[in-house]
Amino acid sequence: MSRWSDIILARRGENVPEENNGGPWGPWYPVPSTAGILVRVRRARITQEGERELYAWSYEFKSQLPRAISFQYKVHPNRDGPFDRVVRRIVAGEVVRGSVILPTSGPVWIDARLIG
């Protein structure tokens, strides 16, 4: 869970969506910029503020690479968002989870790039 998501939910007195909340997980897809990393997502509507709805997007990354890797990634409503999150030393088959709150029901842009 991103720090901003935690802050927003805490201010509203809401809990972070747990494993059984939200819709079903989508299929695993390769991330666009890095071979060997897969991602899948699901979303849950968490609130409606007047005309504006907010959604919790849960995501999972899985490495298929034979060595431990680190990567930066982004989860944004458009492809221009910054690579503002980091995963360190994920090994083959390991799954890393997170979520972010966005004001869109989709689609979202998810991408990753390896770091040294």
N, C-alpha and C. Protein backbone atom coordinates (compact mmCIF):
# COMPACT_ATOMS: atom_id res chain seq x y z
N MET A 1 0.86 -1.17 0.00
CA MET A 1 0.00 0.00 0.00
C MET A 1 0.90 1.23 0.00
N SER A 2 0.58 2.16 -0.82
CA SER A 2 1.37 3.38 -0.85
C SER A 2 1.11 4.22 0.38
N ARG A 3 2.04 5.06 0.73
CA ARG A 3 1.91 5.92 1.89
C ARG A 3 0.70 6.84 1.75
N TRP A 4 0.48 7.40 0.56
CA TRP A 4 -0.66 8.31 0.35
C TRP A 4 -1.97 7.58 0.52
N SER A 5 -2.06 6.36 0.06
CA SER A 5 -3.28 5.58 0.22
C SER A 5 -3.57 5.35 1.70
N ASP A 6 -2.54 5.00 2.47
CA ASP A 6 -2.71 4.81 3.91
C ASP A 6 -3.22 6.08 4.57
N ILE A 7 -2.66 7.23 4.20
CA ILE A 7 -3.05 8.51 4.79
C ILE A 7 -4.50 8.83 4.47
N ILE A 8 -4.90 8.67 3.22
CA ILE A 8 -6.27 8.97 2.82
C ILE A 8 -7.26 8.08 3.56
N LEU A 9 -6.99 6.78 3.60
CA LEU A 9 -7.90 5.87 4.28
C LEU A 9 -7.95 6.16 5.78
N ALA A 10 -6.81 6.45 6.39
CA ALA A 10 -6.78 6.74 7.82
C ALA A 10 -7.59 7.99 8.14
N ARG A 11 -7.50 9.02 7.30
CA ARG A 11 -8.27 10.25 7.53
C ARG A 11 -9.76 10.00 7.46
N ARG A 12 -10.16 9.06 6.65
CA ARG A 12 -11.59 8.75 6.51
C ARG A 12 -12.05 7.70 7.52
N GLY A 13 -11.13 7.14 8.28
CA GLY A 13 -11.48 6.10 9.21
C GLY A 13 -11.79 4.78 8.53
N GLU A 14 -11.28 4.59 7.32
CA GLU A 14 -11.54 3.37 6.56
C GLU A 14 -10.33 2.45 6.63
N ASN A 15 -10.58 1.18 6.41
CA ASN A 15 -9.51 0.19 6.38
C ASN A 15 -9.06 -0.04 4.96
N VAL A 16 -7.83 -0.45 4.83
CA VAL A 16 -7.29 -0.85 3.53
C VAL A 16 -8.05 -2.09 3.07
N PRO A 17 -8.43 -2.17 1.80
CA PRO A 17 -9.12 -3.38 1.33
C PRO A 17 -8.29 -4.63 1.57
N GLU A 18 -8.91 -5.65 2.13
CA GLU A 18 -8.21 -6.89 2.44
C GLU A 18 -8.29 -7.84 1.26
N GLU A 19 -7.68 -9.00 1.40
CA GLU A 19 -7.55 -9.95 0.32
C GLU A 19 -8.90 -10.38 -0.28
N ASN A 20 -9.96 -10.47 0.53
CA ASN A 20 -11.24 -10.95 0.03
C ASN A 20 -12.16 -9.83 -0.46
N ASN A 21 -11.76 -8.59 -0.36
CA ASN A 21 -12.58 -7.48 -0.84
C ASN A 21 -12.24 -7.16 -2.28
N GLY A 22 -13.19 -6.53 -2.95
CA GLY A 22 -12.94 -6.14 -4.34
C GLY A 22 -13.36 -7.23 -5.29
N GLY A 23 -13.16 -6.95 -6.56
CA GLY A 23 -13.51 -7.91 -7.59
C GLY A 23 -12.48 -9.01 -7.69
N PRO A 24 -12.69 -9.92 -8.63
CA PRO A 24 -11.73 -11.01 -8.81
C PRO A 24 -10.42 -10.49 -9.42
N TRP A 25 -9.35 -11.21 -9.19
CA TRP A 25 -8.08 -10.86 -9.81
C TRP A 25 -8.17 -11.08 -11.31
N GLY A 26 -7.57 -10.17 -12.06
CA GLY A 26 -7.46 -10.35 -13.50
C GLY A 26 -6.35 -11.34 -13.80
N PRO A 27 -6.16 -11.67 -15.07
CA PRO A 27 -5.08 -12.59 -15.44
C PRO A 27 -3.71 -11.92 -15.30
N TRP A 28 -2.67 -12.73 -15.27
CA TRP A 28 -1.30 -12.22 -15.24
C TRP A 28 -0.94 -11.71 -16.63
N TYR A 29 -0.34 -10.52 -16.69
CA TYR A 29 0.13 -9.92 -17.94
C TYR A 29 1.59 -9.51 -17.79
N PRO A 30 2.39 -9.59 -18.84
CA PRO A 30 3.75 -9.04 -18.77
C PRO A 30 3.68 -7.52 -18.70
N VAL A 31 4.58 -6.91 -17.92
CA VAL A 31 4.62 -5.44 -17.91
C VAL A 31 5.21 -4.98 -19.24
N PRO A 32 4.81 -3.81 -19.74
CA PRO A 32 5.22 -3.39 -21.08
C PRO A 32 6.72 -3.22 -21.30
N SER A 33 7.45 -2.72 -20.31
CA SER A 33 8.85 -2.33 -20.54
C SER A 33 9.89 -3.33 -20.06
N THR A 34 9.50 -4.38 -19.35
CA THR A 34 10.49 -5.28 -18.77
C THR A 34 10.04 -6.73 -18.91
N ALA A 35 10.79 -7.50 -19.66
CA ALA A 35 10.49 -8.93 -19.81
C ALA A 35 10.77 -9.65 -18.49
N GLY A 36 9.95 -10.63 -18.17
CA GLY A 36 10.19 -11.45 -16.99
C GLY A 36 9.46 -10.99 -15.74
N ILE A 37 8.70 -9.90 -15.81
CA ILE A 37 7.91 -9.45 -14.68
C ILE A 37 6.44 -9.45 -15.11
N LEU A 38 5.61 -10.12 -14.32
CA LEU A 38 4.19 -10.19 -14.59
C LEU A 38 3.42 -9.35 -13.58
N VAL A 39 2.24 -8.89 -13.96
CA VAL A 39 1.39 -8.10 -13.06
C VAL A 39 -0.06 -8.50 -13.27
N ARG A 40 -0.84 -8.44 -12.20
CA ARG A 40 -2.29 -8.58 -12.30
C ARG A 40 -2.93 -7.59 -11.34
N VAL A 41 -4.18 -7.24 -11.61
CA VAL A 41 -4.86 -6.22 -10.81
C VAL A 41 -6.29 -6.63 -10.51
N ARG A 42 -6.85 -5.92 -9.54
CA ARG A 42 -8.29 -5.95 -9.27
C ARG A 42 -8.64 -4.61 -8.63
N ARG A 43 -9.90 -4.28 -8.67
CA ARG A 43 -10.31 -2.99 -8.12
C ARG A 43 -11.53 -3.14 -7.24
N ALA A 44 -11.66 -2.18 -6.32
CA ALA A 44 -12.83 -2.11 -5.44
C ALA A 44 -13.22 -0.65 -5.30
N ARG A 45 -14.50 -0.36 -5.47
CA ARG A 45 -14.99 1.00 -5.24
C ARG A 45 -15.03 1.21 -3.74
N ILE A 46 -14.40 2.29 -3.26
CA ILE A 46 -14.33 2.48 -1.82
C ILE A 46 -15.20 3.61 -1.31
N THR A 47 -15.53 4.58 -2.15
CA THR A 47 -16.37 5.68 -1.68
C THR A 47 -16.87 6.50 -2.85
N GLN A 48 -17.87 7.28 -2.57
CA GLN A 48 -18.35 8.22 -3.57
C GLN A 48 -18.42 9.58 -2.90
N GLU A 49 -17.76 10.57 -3.48
CA GLU A 49 -17.76 11.93 -2.96
C GLU A 49 -18.53 12.80 -3.94
N GLY A 50 -19.84 12.97 -3.72
CA GLY A 50 -20.63 13.74 -4.66
C GLY A 50 -20.64 13.07 -6.01
N GLU A 51 -20.04 13.70 -6.98
CA GLU A 51 -19.96 13.16 -8.34
C GLU A 51 -18.71 12.30 -8.55
N ARG A 52 -17.79 12.31 -7.60
CA ARG A 52 -16.49 11.66 -7.78
C ARG A 52 -16.39 10.36 -7.00
N GLU A 53 -16.02 9.29 -7.67
CA GLU A 53 -15.82 8.00 -7.02
C GLU A 53 -14.33 7.73 -6.88
N LEU A 54 -13.96 7.00 -5.84
CA LEU A 54 -12.58 6.58 -5.64
C LEU A 54 -12.53 5.06 -5.66
N TYR A 55 -11.43 4.54 -6.21
CA TYR A 55 -11.25 3.10 -6.34
C TYR A 55 -9.92 2.68 -5.75
N ALA A 56 -9.94 1.57 -5.03
CA ALA A 56 -8.71 0.95 -4.55
C ALA A 56 -8.29 -0.08 -5.59
N TRP A 57 -7.13 0.15 -6.19
CA TRP A 57 -6.56 -0.78 -7.17
C TRP A 57 -5.51 -1.62 -6.46
N SER A 58 -5.77 -2.89 -6.31
CA SER A 58 -4.79 -3.82 -5.76
C SER A 58 -4.01 -4.42 -6.92
N TYR A 59 -2.73 -4.65 -6.71
CA TYR A 59 -1.90 -5.22 -7.77
C TYR A 59 -0.90 -6.19 -7.17
N GLU A 60 -0.48 -7.12 -7.99
CA GLU A 60 0.55 -8.09 -7.62
C GLU A 60 1.56 -8.18 -8.75
N PHE A 61 2.83 -8.13 -8.39
CA PHE A 61 3.91 -8.36 -9.34
C PHE A 61 4.52 -9.72 -9.04
N LYS A 62 4.93 -10.42 -10.08
CA LYS A 62 5.62 -11.72 -9.92
C LYS A 62 6.79 -11.75 -10.89
N SER A 63 7.94 -12.16 -10.38
CA SER A 63 9.12 -12.27 -11.23
C SER A 63 9.23 -13.67 -11.81
N GLN A 64 9.66 -13.72 -13.07
CA GLN A 64 9.96 -14.99 -13.71
C GLN A 64 11.45 -15.11 -14.00
N LEU A 65 12.22 -14.14 -13.56
CA LEU A 65 13.66 -14.13 -13.83
C LEU A 65 14.39 -15.04 -12.86
N PRO A 66 15.49 -15.67 -13.28
CA PRO A 66 16.17 -16.67 -12.45
C PRO A 66 17.02 -16.10 -11.32
N ARG A 67 17.14 -14.81 -11.23
CA ARG A 67 17.95 -14.19 -10.17
C ARG A 67 17.12 -13.13 -9.46
N ALA A 68 17.58 -12.72 -8.28
CA ALA A 68 16.89 -11.66 -7.54
C ALA A 68 17.03 -10.35 -8.32
N ILE A 69 15.94 -9.60 -8.41
CA ILE A 69 15.94 -8.33 -9.13
C ILE A 69 15.29 -7.25 -8.28
N SER A 70 15.59 -6.01 -8.63
CA SER A 70 14.92 -4.85 -8.05
C SER A 70 14.38 -4.03 -9.21
N PHE A 71 13.24 -3.39 -8.98
CA PHE A 71 12.68 -2.57 -10.05
C PHE A 71 11.85 -1.43 -9.50
N GLN A 72 11.77 -0.38 -10.29
CA GLN A 72 10.87 0.74 -10.04
C GLN A 72 9.60 0.46 -10.82
N TYR A 73 8.47 0.94 -10.31
CA TYR A 73 7.23 0.74 -11.05
C TYR A 73 6.28 1.90 -10.83
N LYS A 74 5.25 1.93 -11.66
CA LYS A 74 4.22 2.96 -11.55
C LYS A 74 2.85 2.33 -11.76
N VAL A 75 1.88 2.89 -11.07
CA VAL A 75 0.47 2.54 -11.23
C VAL A 75 -0.27 3.87 -11.30
N HIS A 76 -0.71 4.25 -12.50
CA HIS A 76 -1.31 5.57 -12.72
C HIS A 76 -2.47 5.48 -13.71
N PRO A 77 -3.32 6.50 -13.71
CA PRO A 77 -4.41 6.53 -14.68
C PRO A 77 -3.93 6.74 -16.12
N ASN A 78 -2.70 7.22 -16.31
CA ASN A 78 -2.18 7.42 -17.67
C ASN A 78 -0.72 7.00 -17.73
N ARG A 79 -0.20 6.84 -18.92
CA ARG A 79 1.16 6.32 -19.08
C ARG A 79 2.24 7.34 -18.72
N ASP A 80 1.90 8.60 -18.53
CA ASP A 80 2.90 9.63 -18.24
C ASP A 80 3.30 9.72 -16.78
N GLY A 81 2.67 8.97 -15.89
CA GLY A 81 2.99 9.05 -14.48
C GLY A 81 4.42 8.61 -14.19
N PRO A 82 4.99 9.09 -13.07
CA PRO A 82 6.37 8.75 -12.73
C PRO A 82 6.51 7.33 -12.17
N PHE A 83 7.71 6.78 -12.28
CA PHE A 83 8.06 5.51 -11.64
C PHE A 83 8.37 5.85 -10.18
N ASP A 84 7.35 5.83 -9.33
CA ASP A 84 7.48 6.37 -7.98
C ASP A 84 7.45 5.31 -6.87
N ARG A 85 7.52 4.05 -7.23
CA ARG A 85 7.54 2.98 -6.24
C ARG A 85 8.68 2.02 -6.56
N VAL A 86 9.15 1.28 -5.54
CA VAL A 86 10.32 0.41 -5.72
C VAL A 86 10.07 -0.95 -5.06
N VAL A 87 10.50 -2.00 -5.73
CA VAL A 87 10.55 -3.35 -5.17
C VAL A 87 12.01 -3.75 -5.15
N ARG A 88 12.47 -4.27 -4.01
CA ARG A 88 13.87 -4.67 -3.85
C ARG A 88 14.00 -6.18 -3.70
N ARG A 89 14.87 -6.76 -4.49
CA ARG A 89 15.33 -8.14 -4.37
C ARG A 89 14.19 -9.17 -4.37
N ILE A 90 13.34 -9.13 -5.37
CA ILE A 90 12.31 -10.14 -5.55
C ILE A 90 12.93 -11.31 -6.32
N VAL A 91 12.62 -12.52 -5.90
CA VAL A 91 13.17 -13.71 -6.55
C VAL A 91 12.11 -14.39 -7.41
N ALA A 92 12.54 -15.30 -8.27
CA ALA A 92 11.63 -15.99 -9.18
C ALA A 92 10.47 -16.64 -8.43
N GLY A 93 9.25 -16.36 -8.89
CA GLY A 93 8.05 -16.92 -8.28
C GLY A 93 7.50 -16.15 -7.11
N GLU A 94 8.29 -15.25 -6.54
CA GLU A 94 7.83 -14.46 -5.40
C GLU A 94 6.81 -13.43 -5.88
N VAL A 95 5.79 -13.16 -5.06
CA VAL A 95 4.76 -12.19 -5.39
C VAL A 95 4.86 -11.01 -4.43
N VAL A 96 4.83 -9.81 -4.99
CA VAL A 96 4.84 -8.57 -4.21
C VAL A 96 3.50 -7.89 -4.43
N ARG A 97 2.84 -7.51 -3.34
CA ARG A 97 1.50 -6.92 -3.41
C ARG A 97 1.52 -5.46 -2.99
N GLY A 98 0.54 -4.73 -3.49
CA GLY A 98 0.34 -3.36 -3.08
C GLY A 98 -1.01 -2.86 -3.57
N SER A 99 -1.33 -1.64 -3.22
CA SER A 99 -2.55 -1.03 -3.73
C SER A 99 -2.40 0.48 -3.72
N VAL A 100 -3.24 1.11 -4.48
CA VAL A 100 -3.23 2.55 -4.60
C VAL A 100 -4.66 3.01 -4.81
N ILE A 101 -4.98 4.20 -4.32
CA ILE A 101 -6.31 4.76 -4.50
C ILE A 101 -6.26 5.74 -5.66
N LEU A 102 -7.15 5.52 -6.63
CA LEU A 102 -7.21 6.38 -7.81
C LEU A 102 -8.65 6.80 -8.07
N PRO A 103 -8.83 7.96 -8.69
CA PRO A 103 -10.19 8.44 -8.98
C PRO A 103 -10.73 7.91 -10.31
N THR A 104 -10.37 6.71 -10.69
CA THR A 104 -10.82 6.14 -11.95
C THR A 104 -11.15 4.66 -11.79
N SER A 105 -12.18 4.23 -12.51
CA SER A 105 -12.53 2.82 -12.51
C SER A 105 -11.71 2.07 -13.56
N GLY A 106 -10.89 2.80 -14.30
CA GLY A 106 -9.99 2.17 -15.25
C GLY A 106 -10.12 2.78 -16.62
N PRO A 107 -9.20 2.44 -17.46
CA PRO A 107 -8.05 1.57 -17.19
C PRO A 107 -6.96 2.31 -16.43
N VAL A 108 -5.99 1.56 -15.90
CA VAL A 108 -4.82 2.14 -15.26
C VAL A 108 -3.58 1.67 -16.02
N TRP A 109 -2.52 2.44 -15.92
CA TRP A 109 -1.26 2.13 -16.59
C TRP A 109 -0.28 1.61 -15.55
N ILE A 110 0.23 0.40 -15.76
CA ILE A 110 1.22 -0.19 -14.87
C ILE A 110 2.43 -0.55 -15.69
N ASP A 111 3.60 -0.14 -15.22
CA ASP A 111 4.84 -0.44 -15.92
C ASP A 111 5.96 -0.57 -14.91
N ALA A 112 7.05 -1.19 -15.29
CA ALA A 112 8.20 -1.39 -14.40
C ALA A 112 9.48 -1.31 -15.21
N ARG A 113 10.56 -0.95 -14.52
CA ARG A 113 11.89 -0.95 -15.15
C ARG A 113 12.91 -1.40 -14.09
N LEU A 114 13.81 -2.26 -14.54
CA LEU A 114 14.84 -2.80 -13.65
C LEU A 114 15.78 -1.71 -13.16
N ILE A 115 16.23 -1.87 -11.92
CA ILE A 115 17.24 -0.97 -11.36
C ILE A 115 18.38 -1.83 -10.79
N GLY A 116 19.55 -1.24 -10.68
CA GLY A 116 20.73 -1.99 -10.23
C GLY A 116 20.90 -2.08 -8.78
